[in-house]
């Protein structure tokens, strides 16, 4: 592989630590997909978006394919992932973005 095909990616310590999320909300417009990652806590009626990722439609589709491929590999190694739904269903979501694209 030539140097032109290599990509150096920097991962800072704070980003490497990661952000826990147990809920993702996805919205889209004609030009972008917005994925908000949220951490819901038991008995807490309010949750904040912990991270927002904005993707072009083509990047969103590639992400979908990459996730599907990784889930397939994970399940081949560790077994099927249980798709348990939260008790009582999903919480009602009051999604009022303050800005629009």
N, C-alpha and C. Protein backbone atom coordinates (compact mmCIF):
# COMPACT_ATOMS: atom_id res chain seq x y z
N UNK A 1 0.85 -1.18 0.00
CA UNK A 1 0.00 0.00 0.00
C UNK A 1 0.89 1.23 0.00
N UNK A 2 0.58 2.19 -0.85
CA UNK A 2 1.38 3.41 -0.91
C UNK A 2 0.96 4.36 0.19
N UNK A 3 1.81 5.36 0.46
CA UNK A 3 1.52 6.35 1.49
C UNK A 3 0.26 7.14 1.17
N UNK A 4 -0.08 7.26 -0.12
CA UNK A 4 -1.27 8.01 -0.51
C UNK A 4 -2.55 7.33 -0.03
N UNK A 5 -2.54 6.02 0.16
CA UNK A 5 -3.73 5.28 0.58
C UNK A 5 -3.82 5.10 2.08
N UNK A 6 -2.86 5.63 2.84
CA UNK A 6 -2.89 5.49 4.29
C UNK A 6 -3.52 6.72 4.91
N UNK A 7 -4.27 6.47 5.96
CA UNK A 7 -4.93 7.54 6.69
C UNK A 7 -4.52 7.44 8.15
N UNK A 8 -3.92 8.50 8.66
CA UNK A 8 -3.57 8.53 10.08
C UNK A 8 -4.73 9.12 10.85
N UNK A 9 -5.23 8.38 11.81
CA UNK A 9 -6.36 8.81 12.61
C UNK A 9 -5.89 9.03 14.04
N UNK A 10 -6.17 10.21 14.56
CA UNK A 10 -5.79 10.55 15.93
C UNK A 10 -6.99 10.31 16.85
N UNK A 11 -6.75 9.66 17.97
CA UNK A 11 -7.78 9.39 18.96
C UNK A 11 -7.32 9.99 20.27
N UNK A 12 -7.92 11.12 20.65
CA UNK A 12 -7.53 11.78 21.89
C UNK A 12 -8.02 10.96 23.08
N UNK A 13 -7.43 11.20 24.24
CA UNK A 13 -7.79 10.44 25.44
C UNK A 13 -9.26 10.59 25.81
N UNK A 14 -9.78 11.82 25.73
CA UNK A 14 -11.18 12.03 26.12
C UNK A 14 -12.15 11.35 25.15
N UNK A 15 -11.82 11.32 23.86
CA UNK A 15 -12.68 10.64 22.90
C UNK A 15 -12.53 9.13 23.04
N UNK A 16 -11.33 8.65 23.31
CA UNK A 16 -11.09 7.22 23.48
C UNK A 16 -11.87 6.65 24.66
N UNK A 17 -12.15 7.49 25.64
CA UNK A 17 -12.92 7.06 26.81
C UNK A 17 -14.34 6.65 26.42
N UNK A 18 -14.90 7.27 25.40
CA UNK A 18 -16.22 6.92 24.91
C UNK A 18 -17.34 7.55 25.72
N UNK A 19 -18.54 7.43 25.20
CA UNK A 19 -19.74 7.93 25.85
C UNK A 19 -20.76 6.80 25.83
N UNK A 20 -21.32 6.44 26.99
CA UNK A 20 -22.30 5.38 27.06
C UNK A 20 -23.65 5.89 26.56
N UNK A 21 -24.32 5.07 25.79
CA UNK A 21 -25.66 5.41 25.29
C UNK A 21 -26.51 4.15 25.28
N UNK A 22 -27.76 4.27 25.73
CA UNK A 22 -28.68 3.14 25.65
C UNK A 22 -29.94 3.50 24.86
N UNK A 23 -29.88 4.61 24.14
CA UNK A 23 -30.97 5.01 23.26
C UNK A 23 -30.39 5.88 22.14
N UNK A 24 -30.81 5.62 20.93
CA UNK A 24 -30.42 6.46 19.80
C UNK A 24 -31.69 6.90 19.08
N UNK A 25 -31.74 8.17 18.73
CA UNK A 25 -32.85 8.72 17.97
C UNK A 25 -32.29 9.20 16.65
N UNK A 26 -32.93 8.79 15.57
CA UNK A 26 -32.43 9.12 14.24
C UNK A 26 -33.47 9.97 13.51
N UNK A 27 -33.03 11.07 12.95
CA UNK A 27 -33.87 11.94 12.14
C UNK A 27 -33.13 12.19 10.83
N UNK A 28 -33.85 12.63 9.83
CA UNK A 28 -33.19 12.91 8.55
C UNK A 28 -33.89 14.03 7.81
N UNK A 29 -33.12 14.65 6.95
CA UNK A 29 -33.64 15.60 5.97
C UNK A 29 -33.18 15.09 4.61
N UNK A 30 -33.40 15.86 3.59
CA UNK A 30 -32.97 15.42 2.26
C UNK A 30 -31.45 15.30 2.17
N UNK A 31 -30.74 16.10 2.96
CA UNK A 31 -29.29 16.16 2.80
C UNK A 31 -28.49 15.55 3.94
N UNK A 32 -29.13 15.14 5.03
CA UNK A 32 -28.35 14.60 6.16
C UNK A 32 -29.18 13.71 7.06
N UNK A 33 -28.47 12.85 7.77
CA UNK A 33 -29.04 12.03 8.84
C UNK A 33 -28.44 12.54 10.14
N UNK A 34 -29.26 12.66 11.17
CA UNK A 34 -28.80 13.10 12.47
C UNK A 34 -29.07 11.98 13.46
N UNK A 35 -28.02 11.52 14.14
CA UNK A 35 -28.15 10.46 15.13
C UNK A 35 -27.79 11.05 16.49
N UNK A 36 -28.79 11.08 17.38
CA UNK A 36 -28.57 11.56 18.74
C UNK A 36 -28.45 10.35 19.65
N UNK A 37 -27.35 10.30 20.41
CA UNK A 37 -27.12 9.23 21.37
C UNK A 37 -27.44 9.74 22.76
N UNK A 38 -28.28 8.99 23.48
CA UNK A 38 -28.84 9.43 24.75
C UNK A 38 -28.58 8.36 25.80
N UNK A 39 -28.41 8.79 27.05
CA UNK A 39 -28.30 7.86 28.17
C UNK A 39 -29.54 8.04 29.04
N UNK A 40 -30.39 7.00 29.08
CA UNK A 40 -31.57 7.00 29.93
C UNK A 40 -31.23 6.35 31.26
N UNK A 41 -31.65 6.97 32.35
CA UNK A 41 -31.44 6.40 33.66
C UNK A 41 -32.78 6.01 34.26
N UNK A 42 -32.83 4.91 35.02
CA UNK A 42 -34.09 4.49 35.63
C UNK A 42 -34.64 5.57 36.57
N UNK A 43 -35.94 5.75 36.52
CA UNK A 43 -36.65 6.69 37.41
C UNK A 43 -36.23 8.14 37.26
N UNK A 44 -35.62 8.48 36.15
CA UNK A 44 -35.25 9.87 35.86
C UNK A 44 -36.06 10.28 34.63
N UNK A 45 -36.98 11.24 34.78
CA UNK A 45 -37.88 11.56 33.67
C UNK A 45 -37.26 12.37 32.54
N UNK A 46 -36.01 12.81 32.71
CA UNK A 46 -35.38 13.64 31.70
C UNK A 46 -34.04 13.03 31.31
N UNK A 47 -33.74 13.08 30.03
CA UNK A 47 -32.46 12.58 29.54
C UNK A 47 -31.87 13.59 28.58
N UNK A 48 -30.56 13.68 28.57
CA UNK A 48 -29.89 14.62 27.67
C UNK A 48 -29.17 13.87 26.56
N UNK A 49 -29.11 14.52 25.42
CA UNK A 49 -28.32 13.99 24.32
C UNK A 49 -26.86 14.07 24.74
N UNK A 50 -26.17 12.95 24.68
CA UNK A 50 -24.77 12.89 25.07
C UNK A 50 -23.83 13.12 23.89
N UNK A 51 -24.32 12.78 22.69
CA UNK A 51 -23.50 12.96 21.50
C UNK A 51 -24.42 13.02 20.29
N UNK A 52 -24.09 13.87 19.34
CA UNK A 52 -24.85 13.98 18.10
C UNK A 52 -23.88 13.79 16.93
N UNK A 53 -24.25 12.88 16.04
CA UNK A 53 -23.45 12.63 14.85
C UNK A 53 -24.31 12.98 13.63
N UNK A 54 -23.76 13.77 12.73
CA UNK A 54 -24.47 14.19 11.53
C UNK A 54 -23.75 13.55 10.33
N UNK A 55 -24.52 12.85 9.51
CA UNK A 55 -23.96 12.10 8.39
C UNK A 55 -24.65 12.47 7.08
N UNK A 56 -23.91 12.38 5.99
CA UNK A 56 -24.55 12.49 4.68
C UNK A 56 -25.32 11.19 4.44
N UNK A 57 -26.30 11.19 3.55
CA UNK A 57 -27.03 9.94 3.26
C UNK A 57 -26.12 8.79 2.84
N UNK A 58 -25.11 9.08 2.03
CA UNK A 58 -24.22 7.99 1.60
C UNK A 58 -23.38 7.45 2.76
N UNK A 59 -22.95 8.32 3.67
CA UNK A 59 -22.22 7.85 4.85
C UNK A 59 -23.14 7.05 5.77
N UNK A 60 -24.40 7.47 5.90
CA UNK A 60 -25.35 6.74 6.73
C UNK A 60 -25.56 5.33 6.19
N UNK A 61 -25.65 5.21 4.88
CA UNK A 61 -25.83 3.89 4.27
C UNK A 61 -24.60 3.01 4.47
N UNK A 62 -23.41 3.60 4.36
CA UNK A 62 -22.18 2.83 4.61
C UNK A 62 -22.08 2.42 6.08
N UNK A 63 -22.52 3.30 6.99
CA UNK A 63 -22.54 2.96 8.41
C UNK A 63 -23.48 1.78 8.66
N UNK A 64 -24.66 1.81 8.05
CA UNK A 64 -25.61 0.71 8.17
C UNK A 64 -24.97 -0.61 7.72
N UNK A 65 -24.30 -0.60 6.58
CA UNK A 65 -23.65 -1.81 6.07
C UNK A 65 -22.53 -2.27 7.00
N UNK A 66 -21.75 -1.32 7.52
CA UNK A 66 -20.65 -1.68 8.43
C UNK A 66 -21.19 -2.26 9.74
N UNK A 67 -22.27 -1.69 10.27
CA UNK A 67 -22.87 -2.23 11.49
C UNK A 67 -23.42 -3.63 11.24
N UNK A 68 -24.11 -3.83 10.12
CA UNK A 68 -24.66 -5.14 9.79
C UNK A 68 -23.54 -6.18 9.68
N UNK A 69 -22.43 -5.81 9.04
CA UNK A 69 -21.30 -6.72 8.90
C UNK A 69 -20.70 -7.05 10.27
N UNK A 70 -20.54 -6.05 11.12
CA UNK A 70 -19.95 -6.29 12.44
C UNK A 70 -20.88 -7.10 13.34
N UNK A 71 -22.19 -6.88 13.24
CA UNK A 71 -23.14 -7.68 14.03
C UNK A 71 -23.09 -9.14 13.58
N UNK A 72 -23.01 -9.35 12.28
CA UNK A 72 -22.91 -10.72 11.75
C UNK A 72 -21.66 -11.41 12.30
N UNK A 73 -20.53 -10.71 12.30
CA UNK A 73 -19.28 -11.28 12.82
C UNK A 73 -19.37 -11.51 14.32
N UNK A 74 -19.96 -10.57 15.05
CA UNK A 74 -20.12 -10.71 16.51
C UNK A 74 -20.95 -11.95 16.83
N UNK A 75 -22.10 -12.10 16.14
CA UNK A 75 -22.98 -13.23 16.41
C UNK A 75 -22.35 -14.56 16.01
N UNK A 76 -21.51 -14.56 14.99
CA UNK A 76 -20.80 -15.78 14.61
C UNK A 76 -19.83 -16.19 15.71
N UNK A 77 -19.25 -15.22 16.40
CA UNK A 77 -18.28 -15.51 17.44
C UNK A 77 -18.92 -15.74 18.81
N UNK A 78 -19.97 -14.96 19.15
CA UNK A 78 -20.52 -15.00 20.51
C UNK A 78 -21.95 -15.50 20.60
N UNK A 79 -22.62 -15.71 19.49
CA UNK A 79 -24.02 -16.14 19.51
C UNK A 79 -24.95 -14.97 19.23
N UNK A 80 -26.23 -15.32 19.02
CA UNK A 80 -27.21 -14.30 18.66
C UNK A 80 -27.39 -13.25 19.75
N UNK A 81 -27.56 -12.03 19.34
CA UNK A 81 -27.82 -10.93 20.25
C UNK A 81 -29.30 -10.94 20.59
N UNK A 82 -29.62 -10.90 21.88
CA UNK A 82 -31.00 -10.86 22.33
C UNK A 82 -31.56 -9.46 22.10
N UNK A 83 -32.64 -9.36 21.36
CA UNK A 83 -33.23 -8.06 21.04
C UNK A 83 -34.33 -7.71 22.04
N UNK A 84 -34.02 -7.82 23.32
CA UNK A 84 -34.97 -7.50 24.37
C UNK A 84 -35.45 -6.07 24.27
N UNK A 85 -36.75 -5.88 24.37
CA UNK A 85 -37.31 -4.53 24.39
C UNK A 85 -37.43 -4.10 25.85
N UNK A 86 -37.28 -2.81 26.12
CA UNK A 86 -37.39 -2.34 27.49
C UNK A 86 -38.75 -2.67 28.08
N UNK A 87 -38.78 -2.97 29.38
CA UNK A 87 -40.05 -3.23 30.05
C UNK A 87 -40.92 -1.98 29.96
N UNK A 88 -42.19 -2.18 29.66
CA UNK A 88 -43.10 -1.04 29.55
C UNK A 88 -42.97 -0.30 28.23
N UNK A 89 -42.20 -0.84 27.30
CA UNK A 89 -42.05 -0.18 26.00
C UNK A 89 -41.04 0.95 26.04
N UNK A 90 -40.98 1.68 24.98
CA UNK A 90 -40.05 2.79 24.88
C UNK A 90 -40.65 4.02 25.53
N UNK A 91 -39.83 4.88 26.10
CA UNK A 91 -40.37 6.08 26.75
C UNK A 91 -40.92 7.05 25.71
N UNK A 92 -41.92 7.85 26.10
CA UNK A 92 -42.38 8.88 25.17
C UNK A 92 -41.26 9.88 24.94
N UNK A 93 -41.13 10.32 23.72
CA UNK A 93 -40.02 11.21 23.38
C UNK A 93 -40.55 12.57 22.99
N UNK A 94 -40.08 13.59 23.68
CA UNK A 94 -40.42 14.96 23.36
C UNK A 94 -39.22 15.54 22.65
N UNK A 95 -39.20 15.42 21.33
CA UNK A 95 -38.03 15.81 20.55
C UNK A 95 -38.32 17.13 19.87
N UNK A 96 -37.78 18.20 20.43
CA UNK A 96 -37.98 19.54 19.88
C UNK A 96 -36.63 20.16 19.58
N UNK A 97 -36.06 19.87 18.40
CA UNK A 97 -34.77 20.49 18.09
C UNK A 97 -34.89 22.01 18.06
N UNK A 98 -33.86 22.67 18.57
CA UNK A 98 -33.91 24.14 18.65
C UNK A 98 -33.47 24.79 17.35
N UNK A 99 -32.86 24.02 16.45
CA UNK A 99 -32.44 24.58 15.18
C UNK A 99 -32.86 23.66 14.05
N UNK A 100 -32.96 24.20 12.86
CA UNK A 100 -33.29 23.40 11.70
C UNK A 100 -32.29 23.70 10.58
N UNK A 101 -32.03 22.69 9.80
CA UNK A 101 -31.09 22.85 8.68
C UNK A 101 -31.81 23.32 7.45
